[in-house]
Amino acid sequence: ALIPYLKGYTTHRATAGDSYWQIASRYHSSVQRLVTANPTIDPSSIK
């Protein structure tokens, strides 16, 4: 449970209605960090 805070990231499995803004708020991240870390995902159409 603690090592993700040493690696500096976690993972999130998308559910219905998820947006980058919601995910960033939940995990104390930012939309820009999500965009950079996930270059193959379209933020406007998260499956």
ModelCIF file with pLDDT and N, C-alpha, C, O atoms, coordinates in Angstrom:
data_MODEL
#
_entry.id   MODEL 
#
_entity.id                         1 
_entity.type                       polymer 
_entity.pdbx_number_of_molecules   1 
#
_entity_poly.entity_id                      1 
_entity_poly.type                           'polypeptide(L)' 
_entity_poly.nstd_linkage                   no 
_entity_poly.nstd_monomer                   no 
_entity_poly.pdbx_seq_one_letter_code       ALIPYLKGYTTHRATAGDSYWQIASRYHSSVQRLVTANPTIDPSSIK 
_entity_poly.pdbx_seq_one_letter_code_can   ALIPYLKGYTTHRATAGDSYWQIASRYHSSVQRLVTANPTIDPSSIK 
_entity_poly.pdbx_strand_id                 A 
#
loop_
_entity_poly_seq.entity_id 
_entity_poly_seq.num 
_entity_poly_seq.mon_id 
_entity_poly_seq.hetero 
1 1  ALA n 
1 2  LEU n 
1 3  ILE n 
1 4  PRO n 
1 5  TYR n 
1 6  LEU n 
1 7  LYS n 
1 8  GLY n 
1 9  TYR n 
1 10 THR n 
1 11 THR n 
1 12 HIS n 
1 13 ARG n 
1 14 ALA n 
1 15 THR n 
1 16 ALA n 
1 17 GLY n 
1 18 ASP n 
1 19 SER n 
1 20 TYR n 
1 21 TRP n 
1 22 GLN n 
1 23 ILE n 
1 24 ALA n 
1 25 SER n 
1 26 ARG n 
1 27 TYR n 
1 28 HIS n 
1 29 SER n 
1 30 SER n 
1 31 VAL n 
1 32 GLN n 
1 33 ARG n 
1 34 LEU n 
1 35 VAL n 
1 36 THR n 
1 37 ALA n 
1 38 ASN n 
1 39 PRO n 
1 40 THR n 
1 41 ILE n 
1 42 ASP n 
1 43 PRO n 
1 44 SER n 
1 45 SER n 
1 46 ILE n 
1 47 LYS n 
#
_struct_asym.id          A 
_struct_asym.entity_id   1 
#
loop_
_ma_qa_metric.id 
_ma_qa_metric.mode 
_ma_qa_metric.name 
_ma_qa_metric.software_group_id 
_ma_qa_metric.type 
1 global pLDDT . pLDDT 
2 local  pLDDT . pLDDT 
#
_ma_qa_metric_global.metric_id      1 
_ma_qa_metric_global.metric_value   96.32 
_ma_qa_metric_global.model_id       1 
_ma_qa_metric_global.ordinal_id     1 
#
loop_
_ma_qa_metric_local.label_asym_id 
_ma_qa_metric_local.label_comp_id 
_ma_qa_metric_local.label_seq_id 
_ma_qa_metric_local.metric_id 
_ma_qa_metric_local.metric_value 
_ma_qa_metric_local.model_id 
_ma_qa_metric_local.ordinal_id 
A ALA 1  2 97.00 1 1  
A LEU 2  2 98.00 1 2  
A ILE 3  2 98.00 1 3  
A PRO 4  2 98.00 1 4  
A TYR 5  2 98.00 1 5  
A LEU 6  2 98.00 1 6  
A LYS 7  2 98.00 1 7  
A GLY 8  2 98.00 1 8  
A TYR 9  2 98.00 1 9  
A THR 10 2 98.00 1 10 
A THR 11 2 97.00 1 11 
A HIS 12 2 97.00 1 12 
A ARG 13 2 97.00 1 13 
A ALA 14 2 97.00 1 14 
A THR 15 2 95.00 1 15 
A ALA 16 2 94.00 1 16 
A GLY 17 2 91.00 1 17 
A ASP 18 2 95.00 1 18 
A SER 19 2 96.00 1 19 
A TYR 20 2 97.00 1 20 
A TRP 21 2 96.00 1 21 
A GLN 22 2 96.00 1 22 
A ILE 23 2 97.00 1 23 
A ALA 24 2 97.00 1 24 
A SER 25 2 96.00 1 25 
A ARG 26 2 95.00 1 26 
A TYR 27 2 95.00 1 27 
A HIS 28 2 93.00 1 28 
A SER 29 2 96.00 1 29 
A SER 30 2 96.00 1 30 
A VAL 31 2 97.00 1 31 
A GLN 32 2 96.00 1 32 
A ARG 33 2 97.00 1 33 
A LEU 34 2 98.00 1 34 
A VAL 35 2 97.00 1 35 
A THR 36 2 98.00 1 36 
A ALA 37 2 98.00 1 37 
A ASN 38 2 98.00 1 38 
A PRO 39 2 97.00 1 39 
A THR 40 2 96.00 1 40 
A ILE 41 2 96.00 1 41 
A ASP 42 2 96.00 1 42 
A PRO 43 2 95.00 1 43 
A SER 44 2 93.00 1 44 
A SER 45 2 93.00 1 45 
A ILE 46 2 95.00 1 46 
A LYS 47 2 95.00 1 47 
#
loop_
_atom_site.group_PDB 
_atom_site.id 
_atom_site.type_symbol 
_atom_site.label_atom_id 
_atom_site.label_alt_id 
_atom_site.label_comp_id 
_atom_site.label_asym_id 
_atom_site.label_entity_id 
_atom_site.label_seq_id 
_atom_site.pdbx_PDB_ins_code 
_atom_site.Cartn_x 
_atom_site.Cartn_y 
_atom_site.Cartn_z 
_atom_site.occupancy 
_atom_site.B_iso_or_equiv 
_atom_site.pdbx_formal_charge 
_atom_site.auth_seq_id 
_atom_site.auth_comp_id 
_atom_site.auth_asym_id 
_atom_site.auth_atom_id 
_atom_site.pdbx_PDB_model_num 
ATOM 1   N N  . ALA A 1 1  ? 0.811   -1.216 0.000   1.00 97.00 ? 1  ALA A N  1 
ATOM 2   C CA . ALA A 1 1  ? 0.000   0.000  0.000   1.00 97.00 ? 1  ALA A CA 1 
ATOM 3   C C  . ALA A 1 1  ? 0.846   1.269  0.000   1.00 97.00 ? 1  ALA A C  1 
ATOM 4   O O  . ALA A 1 1  ? 0.410   2.306  -0.501  1.00 97.00 ? 1  ALA A O  1 
ATOM 5   N N  . LEU A 1 2  ? 2.054   1.195  0.558   1.00 98.00 ? 2  LEU A N  1 
ATOM 6   C CA . LEU A 1 2  ? 2.882   2.393  0.696   1.00 98.00 ? 2  LEU A CA 1 
ATOM 7   C C  . LEU A 1 2  ? 3.803   2.642  -0.496  1.00 98.00 ? 2  LEU A C  1 
ATOM 8   O O  . LEU A 1 2  ? 4.110   3.792  -0.810  1.00 98.00 ? 2  LEU A O  1 
ATOM 9   N N  . ILE A 1 3  ? 4.241   1.585  -1.158  1.00 98.00 ? 3  ILE A N  1 
ATOM 10  C CA . ILE A 1 3  ? 5.225   1.747  -2.236  1.00 98.00 ? 3  ILE A CA 1 
ATOM 11  C C  . ILE A 1 3  ? 4.738   2.654  -3.370  1.00 98.00 ? 3  ILE A C  1 
ATOM 12  O O  . ILE A 1 3  ? 5.566   3.353  -3.953  1.00 98.00 ? 3  ILE A O  1 
ATOM 13  N N  . PRO A 1 4  ? 3.427   2.688  -3.722  1.00 98.00 ? 4  PRO A N  1 
ATOM 14  C CA . PRO A 1 4  ? 3.013   3.655  -4.751  1.00 98.00 ? 4  PRO A CA 1 
ATOM 15  C C  . PRO A 1 4  ? 3.400   5.102  -4.423  1.00 98.00 ? 4  PRO A C  1 
ATOM 16  O O  . PRO A 1 4  ? 3.608   5.910  -5.328  1.00 98.00 ? 4  PRO A O  1 
ATOM 17  N N  . TYR A 1 5  ? 3.495   5.422  -3.140  1.00 98.00 ? 5  TYR A N  1 
ATOM 18  C CA . TYR A 1 5  ? 3.873   6.783  -2.766  1.00 98.00 ? 5  TYR A CA 1 
ATOM 19  C C  . TYR A 1 5  ? 5.382   6.999  -2.889  1.00 98.00 ? 5  TYR A C  1 
ATOM 20  O O  . TYR A 1 5  ? 5.851   8.134  -2.810  1.00 98.00 ? 5  TYR A O  1 
ATOM 21  N N  . LEU A 1 6  ? 6.134   5.936  -3.079  1.00 98.00 ? 6  LEU A N  1 
ATOM 22  C CA . LEU A 1 6  ? 7.560   6.036  -3.372  1.00 98.00 ? 6  LEU A CA 1 
ATOM 23  C C  . LEU A 1 6  ? 7.805   5.990  -4.876  1.00 98.00 ? 6  LEU A C  1 
ATOM 24  O O  . LEU A 1 6  ? 8.765   6.577  -5.375  1.00 98.00 ? 6  LEU A O  1 
ATOM 25  N N  . LYS A 1 7  ? 6.931   5.287  -5.594  1.00 98.00 ? 7  LYS A N  1 
ATOM 26  C CA . LYS A 1 7  ? 6.997   5.291  -7.057  1.00 98.00 ? 7  LYS A CA 1 
ATOM 27  C C  . LYS A 1 7  ? 6.345   6.537  -7.652  1.00 98.00 ? 7  LYS A C  1 
ATOM 28  O O  . LYS A 1 7  ? 6.630   6.912  -8.790  1.00 98.00 ? 7  LYS A O  1 
ATOM 29  N N  . GLY A 1 8  ? 5.476   7.170  -6.882  1.00 98.00 ? 8  GLY A N  1 
ATOM 30  C CA . GLY A 1 8  ? 4.893   8.432  -7.319  1.00 98.00 ? 8  GLY A CA 1 
ATOM 31  C C  . GLY A 1 8  ? 3.687   8.322  -8.215  1.00 98.00 ? 8  GLY A C  1 
ATOM 32  O O  . GLY A 1 8  ? 3.313   9.300  -8.861  1.00 98.00 ? 8  GLY A O  1 
ATOM 33  N N  . TYR A 1 9  ? 3.067   7.158  -8.275  1.00 98.00 ? 9  TYR A N  1 
ATOM 34  C CA . TYR A 1 9  ? 1.870   7.039  -9.114  1.00 98.00 ? 9  TYR A CA 1 
ATOM 35  C C  . TYR A 1 9  ? 1.013   5.877  -8.647  1.00 98.00 ? 9  TYR A C  1 
ATOM 36  O O  . TYR A 1 9  ? 1.472   4.996  -7.919  1.00 98.00 ? 9  TYR A O  1 
ATOM 37  N N  . THR A 1 10 ? -0.238  5.890  -9.077  1.00 98.00 ? 10 THR A N  1 
ATOM 38  C CA . THR A 1 10 ? -1.135  4.759  -8.907  1.00 98.00 ? 10 THR A CA 1 
ATOM 39  C C  . THR A 1 10 ? -1.853  4.534  -10.236 1.00 98.00 ? 10 THR A C  1 
ATOM 40  O O  . THR A 1 10 ? -1.577  5.227  -11.215 1.00 98.00 ? 10 THR A O  1 
ATOM 41  N N  . THR A 1 11 ? -2.753  3.589  -10.272 1.00 97.00 ? 11 THR A N  1 
ATOM 42  C CA . THR A 1 11 ? -3.557  3.357  -11.477 1.00 97.00 ? 11 THR A CA 1 
ATOM 43  C C  . THR A 1 11 ? -5.035  3.454  -11.130 1.00 97.00 ? 11 THR A C  1 
ATOM 44  O O  . THR A 1 11 ? -5.448  3.201  -9.998  1.00 97.00 ? 11 THR A O  1 
ATOM 45  N N  . HIS A 1 12 ? -5.805  3.822  -12.117 1.00 97.00 ? 12 HIS A N  1 
ATOM 46  C CA . HIS A 1 12 ? -7.258  3.948  -11.967 1.00 97.00 ? 12 HIS A CA 1 
ATOM 47  C C  . HIS A 1 12 ? -7.927  3.261  -13.148 1.00 97.00 ? 12 HIS A C  1 
ATOM 48  O O  . HIS A 1 12 ? -7.585  3.514  -14.303 1.00 97.00 ? 12 HIS A O  1 
ATOM 49  N N  . ARG A 1 13 ? -8.874  2.399  -12.850 1.00 97.00 ? 13 ARG A N  1 
ATOM 50  C CA . ARG A 1 13 ? -9.654  1.754  -13.907 1.00 97.00 ? 13 ARG A CA 1 
ATOM 51  C C  . ARG A 1 13 ? -10.936 2.556  -14.134 1.00 97.00 ? 13 ARG A C  1 
ATOM 52  O O  . ARG A 1 13 ? -11.746 2.706  -13.219 1.00 97.00 ? 13 ARG A O  1 
ATOM 53  N N  . ALA A 1 14 ? -11.118 3.062  -15.330 1.00 97.00 ? 14 ALA A N  1 
ATOM 54  C CA . ALA A 1 14 ? -12.201 4.001  -15.626 1.00 97.00 ? 14 ALA A CA 1 
ATOM 55  C C  . ALA A 1 14 ? -13.570 3.361  -15.471 1.00 97.00 ? 14 ALA A C  1 
ATOM 56  O O  . ALA A 1 14 ? -13.789 2.210  -15.848 1.00 97.00 ? 14 ALA A O  1 
ATOM 57  N N  . THR A 1 15 ? -14.478 4.131  -14.911 1.00 95.00 ? 15 THR A N  1 
ATOM 58  C CA . THR A 1 15 ? -15.880 3.731  -14.799 1.00 95.00 ? 15 THR A CA 1 
ATOM 59  C C  . THR A 1 15 ? -16.734 4.741  -15.574 1.00 95.00 ? 15 THR A C  1 
ATOM 60  O O  . THR A 1 15 ? -16.227 5.747  -16.071 1.00 95.00 ? 15 THR A O  1 
ATOM 61  N N  . ALA A 1 16 ? -18.015 4.461  -15.667 1.00 94.00 ? 16 ALA A N  1 
ATOM 62  C CA . ALA A 1 16 ? -18.912 5.309  -16.445 1.00 94.00 ? 16 ALA A CA 1 
ATOM 63  C C  . ALA A 1 16 ? -18.881 6.751  -15.921 1.00 94.00 ? 16 ALA A C  1 
ATOM 64  O O  . ALA A 1 16 ? -18.994 6.990  -14.718 1.00 94.00 ? 16 ALA A O  1 
ATOM 65  N N  . GLY A 1 17 ? -18.730 7.680  -16.824 1.00 91.00 ? 17 GLY A N  1 
ATOM 66  C CA . GLY A 1 17 ? -18.779 9.092  -16.471 1.00 91.00 ? 17 GLY A CA 1 
ATOM 67  C C  . GLY A 1 17 ? -17.469 9.688  -15.997 1.00 91.00 ? 17 GLY A C  1 
ATOM 68  O O  . GLY A 1 17 ? -17.413 10.878 -15.688 1.00 91.00 ? 17 GLY A O  1 
ATOM 69  N N  . ASP A 1 18 ? -16.407 8.885  -15.931 1.00 95.00 ? 18 ASP A N  1 
ATOM 70  C CA . ASP A 1 18 ? -15.116 9.410  -15.483 1.00 95.00 ? 18 ASP A CA 1 
ATOM 71  C C  . ASP A 1 18 ? -14.591 10.485 -16.434 1.00 95.00 ? 18 ASP A C  1 
ATOM 72  O O  . ASP A 1 18 ? -14.731 10.388 -17.653 1.00 95.00 ? 18 ASP A O  1 
ATOM 73  N N  . SER A 1 19 ? -13.991 11.498 -15.845 1.00 96.00 ? 19 SER A N  1 
ATOM 74  C CA . SER A 1 19 ? -13.278 12.508 -16.622 1.00 96.00 ? 19 SER A CA 1 
ATOM 75  C C  . SER A 1 19 ? -11.906 12.702 -15.985 1.00 96.00 ? 19 SER A C  1 
ATOM 76  O O  . SER A 1 19 ? -11.691 12.347 -14.826 1.00 96.00 ? 19 SER A O  1 
ATOM 77  N N  . TYR A 1 20 ? -10.986 13.269 -16.754 1.00 97.00 ? 20 TYR A N  1 
ATOM 78  C CA . TYR A 1 20 ? -9.656  13.527 -16.193 1.00 97.00 ? 20 TYR A CA 1 
ATOM 79  C C  . TYR A 1 20 ? -9.739  14.475 -15.001 1.00 97.00 ? 20 TYR A C  1 
ATOM 80  O O  . TYR A 1 20 ? -8.992  14.318 -14.035 1.00 97.00 ? 20 TYR A O  1 
ATOM 81  N N  . TRP A 1 21 ? -10.628 15.445 -15.058 1.00 96.00 ? 21 TRP A N  1 
ATOM 82  C CA . TRP A 1 21 ? -10.748 16.389 -13.951 1.00 96.00 ? 21 TRP A CA 1 
ATOM 83  C C  . TRP A 1 21 ? -11.181 15.664 -12.686 1.00 96.00 ? 21 TRP A C  1 
ATOM 84  O O  . TRP A 1 21 ? -10.651 15.935 -11.608 1.00 96.00 ? 21 TRP A O  1 
ATOM 85  N N  . GLN A 1 22 ? -12.142 14.742 -12.801 1.00 96.00 ? 22 GLN A N  1 
ATOM 86  C CA . GLN A 1 22 ? -12.600 13.994 -11.625 1.00 96.00 ? 22 GLN A CA 1 
ATOM 87  C C  . GLN A 1 22 ? -11.501 13.091 -11.076 1.00 96.00 ? 22 GLN A C  1 
ATOM 88  O O  . GLN A 1 22 ? -11.296 13.007 -9.865  1.00 96.00 ? 22 GLN A O  1 
ATOM 89  N N  . ILE A 1 23 ? -10.793 12.414 -11.988 1.00 97.00 ? 23 ILE A N  1 
ATOM 90  C CA . ILE A 1 23 ? -9.730  11.507 -11.557 1.00 97.00 ? 23 ILE A CA 1 
ATOM 91  C C  . ILE A 1 23 ? -8.608  12.288 -10.891 1.00 97.00 ? 23 ILE A C  1 
ATOM 92  O O  . ILE A 1 23 ? -8.089  11.871 -9.856  1.00 97.00 ? 23 ILE A O  1 
ATOM 93  N N  . ALA A 1 24 ? -8.230  13.416 -11.478 1.00 97.00 ? 24 ALA A N  1 
ATOM 94  C CA . ALA A 1 24 ? -7.173  14.238 -10.908 1.00 97.00 ? 24 ALA A CA 1 
ATOM 95  C C  . ALA A 1 24 ? -7.555  14.737 -9.520  1.00 97.00 ? 24 ALA A C  1 
ATOM 96  O O  . ALA A 1 24 ? -6.722  14.737 -8.613  1.00 97.00 ? 24 ALA A O  1 
ATOM 97  N N  . SER A 1 25 ? -8.798  15.158 -9.343  1.00 96.00 ? 25 SER A N  1 
ATOM 98  C CA . SER A 1 25 ? -9.255  15.636 -8.038  1.00 96.00 ? 25 SER A CA 1 
ATOM 99  C C  . SER A 1 25 ? -9.249  14.518 -7.006  1.00 96.00 ? 25 SER A C  1 
ATOM 100 O O  . SER A 1 25 ? -8.878  14.738 -5.853  1.00 96.00 ? 25 SER A O  1 
ATOM 101 N N  . ARG A 1 26 ? -9.648  13.348 -7.405  1.00 95.00 ? 26 ARG A N  1 
ATOM 102 C CA . ARG A 1 26 ? -9.719  12.224 -6.467  1.00 95.00 ? 26 ARG A CA 1 
ATOM 103 C C  . ARG A 1 26 ? -8.342  11.845 -5.949  1.00 95.00 ? 26 ARG A C  1 
ATOM 104 O O  . ARG A 1 26 ? -8.195  11.523 -4.770  1.00 95.00 ? 26 ARG A O  1 
ATOM 105 N N  . TYR A 1 27 ? -7.339  11.877 -6.803  1.00 95.00 ? 27 TYR A N  1 
ATOM 106 C CA . TYR A 1 27 ? -6.003  11.396 -6.430  1.00 95.00 ? 27 TYR A CA 1 
ATOM 107 C C  . TYR A 1 27 ? -5.002  12.532 -6.180  1.00 95.00 ? 27 TYR A C  1 
ATOM 108 O O  . TYR A 1 27 ? -3.800  12.290 -6.071  1.00 95.00 ? 27 TYR A O  1 
ATOM 109 N N  . HIS A 1 28 ? -5.500  13.767 -6.091  1.00 93.00 ? 28 HIS A N  1 
ATOM 110 C CA . HIS A 1 28 ? -4.616  14.913 -5.862  1.00 93.00 ? 28 HIS A CA 1 
ATOM 111 C C  . HIS A 1 28 ? -3.533  14.984 -6.941  1.00 93.00 ? 28 HIS A C  1 
ATOM 112 O O  . HIS A 1 28 ? -2.347  15.133 -6.649  1.00 93.00 ? 28 HIS A O  1 
ATOM 113 N N  . SER A 1 29 ? -3.969  14.875 -8.168  1.00 96.00 ? 29 SER A N  1 
ATOM 114 C CA . SER A 1 29 ? -3.075  14.975 -9.311  1.00 96.00 ? 29 SER A CA 1 
ATOM 115 C C  . SER A 1 29 ? -3.483  16.205 -10.112 1.00 96.00 ? 29 SER A C  1 
ATOM 116 O O  . SER A 1 29 ? -4.054  17.144 -9.557  1.00 96.00 ? 29 SER A O  1 
ATOM 117 N N  . SER A 1 30 ? -3.200  16.209 -11.396 1.00 96.00 ? 30 SER A N  1 
ATOM 118 C CA . SER A 1 30 ? -3.624  17.310 -12.261 1.00 96.00 ? 30 SER A CA 1 
ATOM 119 C C  . SER A 1 30 ? -3.967  16.742 -13.627 1.00 96.00 ? 30 SER A C  1 
ATOM 120 O O  . SER A 1 30 ? -3.486  15.675 -14.008 1.00 96.00 ? 30 SER A O  1 
ATOM 121 N N  . VAL A 1 31 ? -4.798  17.462 -14.354 1.00 97.00 ? 31 VAL A N  1 
ATOM 122 C CA . VAL A 1 31 ? -5.182  17.022 -15.689 1.00 97.00 ? 31 VAL A CA 1 
ATOM 123 C C  . VAL A 1 31 ? -3.950  16.929 -16.583 1.00 97.00 ? 31 VAL A C  1 
ATOM 124 O O  . VAL A 1 31 ? -3.818  15.987 -17.365 1.00 97.00 ? 31 VAL A O  1 
ATOM 125 N N  . GLN A 1 32 ? -3.043  17.907 -16.471 1.00 96.00 ? 32 GLN A N  1 
ATOM 126 C CA . GLN A 1 32 ? -1.858  17.895 -17.322 1.00 96.00 ? 32 GLN A CA 1 
ATOM 127 C C  . GLN A 1 32 ? -0.982  16.671 -17.034 1.00 96.00 ? 32 GLN A C  1 
ATOM 128 O O  . GLN A 1 32 ? -0.422  16.081 -17.958 1.00 96.00 ? 32 GLN A O  1 
ATOM 129 N N  . ARG A 1 33 ? -0.863  16.292 -15.779 1.00 97.00 ? 33 ARG A N  1 
ATOM 130 C CA . ARG A 1 33 ? -0.071  15.093 -15.453 1.00 97.00 ? 33 ARG A CA 1 
ATOM 131 C C  . ARG A 1 33 ? -0.723  13.839 -16.049 1.00 97.00 ? 33 ARG A C  1 
ATOM 132 O O  . ARG A 1 33 ? -0.026  12.946 -16.530 1.00 97.00 ? 33 ARG A O  1 
ATOM 133 N N  . LEU A 1 34 ? -2.024  13.776 -16.019 1.00 98.00 ? 34 LEU A N  1 
ATOM 134 C CA . LEU A 1 34 ? -2.726  12.628 -16.604 1.00 98.00 ? 34 LEU A CA 1 
ATOM 135 C C  . LEU A 1 34 ? -2.525  12.590 -18.119 1.00 98.00 ? 34 LEU A C  1 
ATOM 136 O O  . LEU A 1 34 ? -2.303  11.524 -18.692 1.00 98.00 ? 34 LEU A O  1 
ATOM 137 N N  . VAL A 1 35 ? -2.602  13.735 -18.754 1.00 97.00 ? 35 VAL A N  1 
ATOM 138 C CA . VAL A 1 35 ? -2.417  13.799 -20.207 1.00 97.00 ? 35 VAL A CA 1 
ATOM 139 C C  . VAL A 1 35 ? -1.010  13.337 -20.576 1.00 97.00 ? 35 VAL A C  1 
ATOM 140 O O  . VAL A 1 35 ? -0.836  12.553 -21.509 1.00 97.00 ? 35 VAL A O  1 
ATOM 141 N N  . THR A 1 36 ? -0.014  13.817 -19.850 1.00 98.00 ? 36 THR A N  1 
ATOM 142 C CA . THR A 1 36 ? 1.376   13.458 -20.147 1.00 98.00 ? 36 THR A CA 1 
ATOM 143 C C  . THR A 1 36 ? 1.616   11.972 -19.934 1.00 98.00 ? 36 THR A C  1 
ATOM 144 O O  . THR A 1 36 ? 2.291   11.336 -20.745 1.00 98.00 ? 36 THR A O  1 
ATOM 145 N N  . ALA A 1 37 ? 1.080   11.409 -18.867 1.00 98.00 ? 37 ALA A N  1 
ATOM 146 C CA . ALA A 1 37 ? 1.351   10.015 -18.527 1.00 98.00 ? 37 ALA A CA 1 
ATOM 147 C C  . ALA A 1 37 ? 0.567   9.022  -19.380 1.00 98.00 ? 37 ALA A C  1 
ATOM 148 O O  . ALA A 1 37 ? 0.890   7.834  -19.404 1.00 98.00 ? 37 ALA A O  1 
ATOM 149 N N  . ASN A 1 38 ? -0.452  9.497  -20.074 1.00 98.00 ? 38 ASN A N  1 
ATOM 150 C CA . ASN A 1 38 ? -1.315  8.597  -20.845 1.00 98.00 ? 38 ASN A CA 1 
ATOM 151 C C  . ASN A 1 38 ? -1.479  9.107  -22.274 1.00 98.00 ? 38 ASN A C  1 
ATOM 152 O O  . ASN A 1 38 ? -2.584  9.479  -22.670 1.00 98.00 ? 38 ASN A O  1 
ATOM 153 N N  . PRO A 1 39 ? -0.409  9.131  -23.045 1.00 97.00 ? 39 PRO A N  1 
ATOM 154 C CA . PRO A 1 39 ? -0.471  9.762  -24.370 1.00 97.00 ? 39 PRO A CA 1 
ATOM 155 C C  . PRO A 1 39 ? -1.363  9.046  -25.368 1.00 97.00 ? 39 PRO A C  1 
ATOM 156 O O  . PRO A 1 39 ? -1.749  9.644  -26.372 1.00 97.00 ? 39 PRO A O  1 
ATOM 157 N N  . THR A 1 40 ? -1.703  7.797  -25.131 1.00 96.00 ? 40 THR A N  1 
ATOM 158 C CA . THR A 1 40 ? -2.524  7.050  -26.094 1.00 96.00 ? 40 THR A CA 1 
ATOM 159 C C  . THR A 1 40 ? -4.011  7.105  -25.774 1.00 96.00 ? 40 THR A C  1 
ATOM 160 O O  . THR A 1 40 ? -4.819  6.534  -26.506 1.00 96.00 ? 40 THR A O  1 
ATOM 161 N N  . ILE A 1 41 ? -4.387  7.788  -24.682 1.00 96.00 ? 41 ILE A N  1 
ATOM 162 C CA . ILE A 1 41 ? -5.799  7.856  -24.281 1.00 96.00 ? 41 ILE A CA 1 
ATOM 163 C C  . ILE A 1 41 ? -6.381  9.212  -24.686 1.00 96.00 ? 41 ILE A C  1 
ATOM 164 O O  . ILE A 1 41 ? -5.765  10.253 -24.456 1.00 96.00 ? 41 ILE A O  1 
ATOM 165 N N  . ASP A 1 42 ? -7.551  9.190  -25.279 1.00 96.00 ? 42 ASP A N  1 
ATOM 166 C CA . ASP A 1 42 ? -8.278  10.409 -25.637 1.00 96.00 ? 42 ASP A CA 1 
ATOM 167 C C  . ASP A 1 42 ? -9.084  10.863 -24.417 1.00 96.00 ? 42 ASP A C  1 
ATOM 168 O O  . ASP A 1 42 ? -10.047 10.187 -24.055 1.00 96.00 ? 42 ASP A O  1 
ATOM 169 N N  . PRO A 1 43 ? -8.734  11.972 -23.772 1.00 95.00 ? 43 PRO A N  1 
ATOM 170 C CA . PRO A 1 43 ? -9.444  12.396 -22.554 1.00 95.00 ? 43 PRO A CA 1 
ATOM 171 C C  . PRO A 1 43 ? -10.924 12.669 -22.781 1.00 95.00 ? 43 PRO A C  1 
ATOM 172 O O  . PRO A 1 43 ? -11.717 12.601 -21.842 1.00 95.00 ? 43 PRO A O  1 
ATOM 173 N N  . SER A 1 44 ? -11.299 12.973 -24.001 1.00 93.00 ? 44 SER A N  1 
ATOM 174 C CA . SER A 1 44 ? -12.709 13.284 -24.271 1.00 93.00 ? 44 SER A CA 1 
ATOM 175 C C  . SER A 1 44 ? -13.550 12.034 -24.500 1.00 93.00 ? 44 SER A C  1 
ATOM 176 O O  . SER A 1 44 ? -14.774 12.113 -24.607 1.00 93.00 ? 44 SER A O  1 
ATOM 177 N N  . SER A 1 45 ? -12.892 10.884 -24.575 1.00 93.00 ? 45 SER A N  1 
ATOM 178 C CA . SER A 1 45 ? -13.635 9.652  -24.839 1.00 93.00 ? 45 SER A CA 1 
ATOM 179 C C  . SER A 1 45 ? -12.961 8.487  -24.100 1.00 93.00 ? 45 SER A C  1 
ATOM 180 O O  . SER A 1 45 ? -12.344 7.616  -24.714 1.00 93.00 ? 45 SER A O  1 
ATOM 181 N N  . ILE A 1 46 ? -13.096 8.496  -22.775 1.00 95.00 ? 46 ILE A N  1 
ATOM 182 C CA . ILE A 1 46 ? -12.461 7.470  -21.943 1.00 95.00 ? 46 ILE A CA 1 
ATOM 183 C C  . ILE A 1 46 ? -13.367 6.247  -21.890 1.00 95.00 ? 46 ILE A C  1 
ATOM 184 O O  . ILE A 1 46 ? -14.503 6.330  -21.423 1.00 95.00 ? 46 ILE A O  1 
ATOM 185 N N  . LYS A 1 47 ? -12.876 5.138  -22.357 1.00 95.00 ? 47 LYS A N  1 
ATOM 186 C CA . LYS A 1 47 ? -13.672 3.921  -22.365 1.00 95.00 ? 47 LYS A CA 1 
ATOM 187 C C  . LYS A 1 47 ? -13.699 3.268  -20.990 1.00 95.00 ? 47 LYS A C  1 
ATOM 188 O O  . LYS A 1 47 ? -14.329 2.225  -20.815 1.00 95.00 ? 47 LYS A O  1 
#
